C-alpha cells in the first residue's frame, strides 16, 4: 500500500494560512492539529503549482 497508517495527510483551507489545517489523518506522527498553519513546504508547493514566485 502506498499510503497507509505511516503517512500523515492534511487537508488545508486557503482562506487563512495561519490556521489552514481543517482535517488531518495520522497527525500523531508530527503532532499537527486542526487549526495548525500551513507549512513552508506546502506553501512552496502551492506557489510552484500556480506558477507564482
N, C-alpha and C. Protein backbone atom coordinates (compact mmCIF):
# COMPACT_ATOMS: atom_id res chain seq x y z
N UNK A 1 0.85 -1.17 0.00
CA UNK A 1 0.00 0.00 0.00
C UNK A 1 0.90 1.24 0.00
N UNK A 2 0.60 2.17 -0.85
CA UNK A 2 1.41 3.38 -0.98
C UNK A 2 1.16 4.35 0.17
N UNK A 3 -0.09 4.56 0.51
CA UNK A 3 -0.44 5.46 1.61
C UNK A 3 -1.16 4.65 2.67
N UNK A 4 -0.64 4.69 3.87
CA UNK A 4 -1.24 3.93 4.95
C UNK A 4 -1.10 4.64 6.27
N UNK A 5 -1.11 3.87 7.33
CA UNK A 5 -1.08 4.46 8.67
C UNK A 5 0.24 5.15 8.99
N UNK A 6 1.27 4.93 8.17
CA UNK A 6 2.56 5.58 8.39
C UNK A 6 2.66 6.95 7.74
N UNK A 7 1.62 7.36 6.99
CA UNK A 7 1.63 8.64 6.27
C UNK A 7 0.65 9.62 6.90
N UNK A 8 1.09 10.86 7.07
CA UNK A 8 0.19 11.92 7.53
C UNK A 8 -0.39 12.62 6.32
N UNK A 9 -1.68 12.85 6.34
CA UNK A 9 -2.36 13.56 5.26
C UNK A 9 -3.11 14.73 5.88
N UNK A 10 -2.89 15.93 5.32
CA UNK A 10 -3.51 17.14 5.85
C UNK A 10 -4.29 17.84 4.74
N UNK A 11 -5.53 18.19 5.02
CA UNK A 11 -6.35 18.98 4.11
C UNK A 11 -6.33 20.42 4.61
N UNK A 12 -5.93 21.34 3.73
CA UNK A 12 -5.83 22.75 4.10
C UNK A 12 -6.92 23.57 3.44
N UNK A 13 -7.41 24.56 4.15
CA UNK A 13 -8.24 25.62 3.59
C UNK A 13 -7.32 26.80 3.34
N UNK A 14 -7.42 27.40 2.19
CA UNK A 14 -6.53 28.51 1.85
C UNK A 14 -7.12 29.86 2.23
N UNK A 15 -8.21 29.87 2.99
CA UNK A 15 -8.81 31.13 3.42
C UNK A 15 -7.95 31.87 4.43
N UNK A 16 -7.30 31.14 5.34
CA UNK A 16 -6.44 31.76 6.35
C UNK A 16 -5.26 30.82 6.59
N UNK A 17 -4.10 31.17 6.04
CA UNK A 17 -2.94 30.28 6.09
C UNK A 17 -2.37 30.13 7.50
N UNK A 18 -2.76 31.00 8.43
CA UNK A 18 -2.27 30.89 9.80
C UNK A 18 -2.98 29.79 10.59
N UNK A 19 -4.13 29.34 10.09
CA UNK A 19 -4.86 28.22 10.73
C UNK A 19 -5.55 27.40 9.64
N UNK A 20 -4.76 26.91 8.70
CA UNK A 20 -5.30 26.32 7.48
C UNK A 20 -5.66 24.84 7.57
N UNK A 21 -5.09 24.09 8.50
CA UNK A 21 -5.36 22.66 8.58
C UNK A 21 -6.79 22.43 9.07
N UNK A 22 -7.62 21.82 8.20
CA UNK A 22 -9.02 21.61 8.58
C UNK A 22 -9.35 20.13 8.80
N UNK A 23 -8.53 19.21 8.28
CA UNK A 23 -8.69 17.77 8.52
C UNK A 23 -7.30 17.14 8.51
N UNK A 24 -7.08 16.18 9.40
CA UNK A 24 -5.78 15.52 9.49
C UNK A 24 -5.99 14.03 9.71
N UNK A 25 -5.28 13.22 8.93
CA UNK A 25 -5.24 11.77 9.14
C UNK A 25 -3.84 11.42 9.61
N UNK A 26 -3.73 10.65 10.65
CA UNK A 26 -2.45 10.19 11.20
C UNK A 26 -1.59 11.35 11.70
N UNK A 27 -2.20 12.34 12.29
CA UNK A 27 -1.48 13.50 12.80
C UNK A 27 -0.58 13.21 13.99
N UNK A 28 -0.72 12.03 14.56
CA UNK A 28 0.14 11.68 15.70
C UNK A 28 1.61 11.58 15.31
N UNK A 29 1.90 11.44 14.03
CA UNK A 29 3.29 11.35 13.57
C UNK A 29 4.04 12.67 13.78
N UNK A 30 3.36 13.80 13.60
CA UNK A 30 4.02 15.10 13.73
C UNK A 30 3.45 15.94 14.87
N UNK A 31 2.32 15.54 15.41
CA UNK A 31 1.68 16.32 16.46
C UNK A 31 0.87 17.49 15.91
N UNK A 32 0.75 17.56 14.59
CA UNK A 32 -0.02 18.63 13.97
C UNK A 32 -1.49 18.48 14.36
N UNK A 33 -2.17 19.61 14.52
CA UNK A 33 -3.57 19.61 14.94
C UNK A 33 -4.41 20.45 13.99
N UNK A 34 -5.72 20.22 14.02
CA UNK A 34 -6.63 21.06 13.26
C UNK A 34 -6.42 22.50 13.72
N UNK A 35 -6.33 23.42 12.78
CA UNK A 35 -6.07 24.82 13.08
C UNK A 35 -4.60 25.18 12.97
N UNK A 36 -3.75 24.19 12.71
CA UNK A 36 -2.32 24.48 12.54
C UNK A 36 -2.10 25.27 11.25
N UNK A 37 -1.03 26.05 11.19
CA UNK A 37 -0.75 26.83 9.98
C UNK A 37 -0.21 25.95 8.86
N UNK A 38 -0.29 26.45 7.65
CA UNK A 38 0.29 25.76 6.51
C UNK A 38 1.82 25.77 6.67
N UNK A 39 2.48 24.72 6.23
CA UNK A 39 3.94 24.65 6.36
C UNK A 39 4.60 25.39 5.21
N UNK A 40 5.87 25.74 5.41
CA UNK A 40 6.63 26.39 4.33
C UNK A 40 6.71 25.50 3.10
N UNK A 41 6.87 24.19 3.31
CA UNK A 41 6.94 23.25 2.19
C UNK A 41 5.64 23.27 1.39
N UNK A 42 4.50 23.20 2.07
CA UNK A 42 3.21 23.22 1.38
C UNK A 42 3.00 24.54 0.65
N UNK A 43 3.43 25.63 1.25
CA UNK A 43 3.29 26.94 0.62
C UNK A 43 4.15 27.04 -0.64
N UNK A 44 5.38 26.51 -0.58
CA UNK A 44 6.24 26.48 -1.77
C UNK A 44 5.63 25.62 -2.87
N UNK A 45 5.07 24.47 -2.50
CA UNK A 45 4.43 23.60 -3.48
C UNK A 45 3.24 24.30 -4.13
N UNK A 46 2.45 25.01 -3.35
CA UNK A 46 1.31 25.76 -3.87
C UNK A 46 1.77 26.82 -4.86
N UNK A 47 2.81 27.55 -4.52
CA UNK A 47 3.35 28.58 -5.42
C UNK A 47 3.88 27.96 -6.70
N UNK A 48 4.56 26.81 -6.59
CA UNK A 48 5.08 26.13 -7.78
C UNK A 48 3.95 25.66 -8.69
N UNK A 49 2.86 25.17 -8.11
CA UNK A 49 1.73 24.69 -8.92
C UNK A 49 1.02 25.83 -9.63
N UNK A 50 1.00 27.01 -9.02
CA UNK A 50 0.30 28.14 -9.63
C UNK A 50 1.22 28.97 -10.51
N UNK A 51 2.52 28.64 -10.51
CA UNK A 51 3.46 29.36 -11.35
C UNK A 51 3.91 30.69 -10.80
N UNK A 52 3.58 30.97 -9.52
CA UNK A 52 3.99 32.23 -8.90
C UNK A 52 5.33 32.08 -8.23
N UNK A 53 6.09 33.14 -8.21
CA UNK A 53 7.38 33.16 -7.50
C UNK A 53 7.50 34.46 -6.75
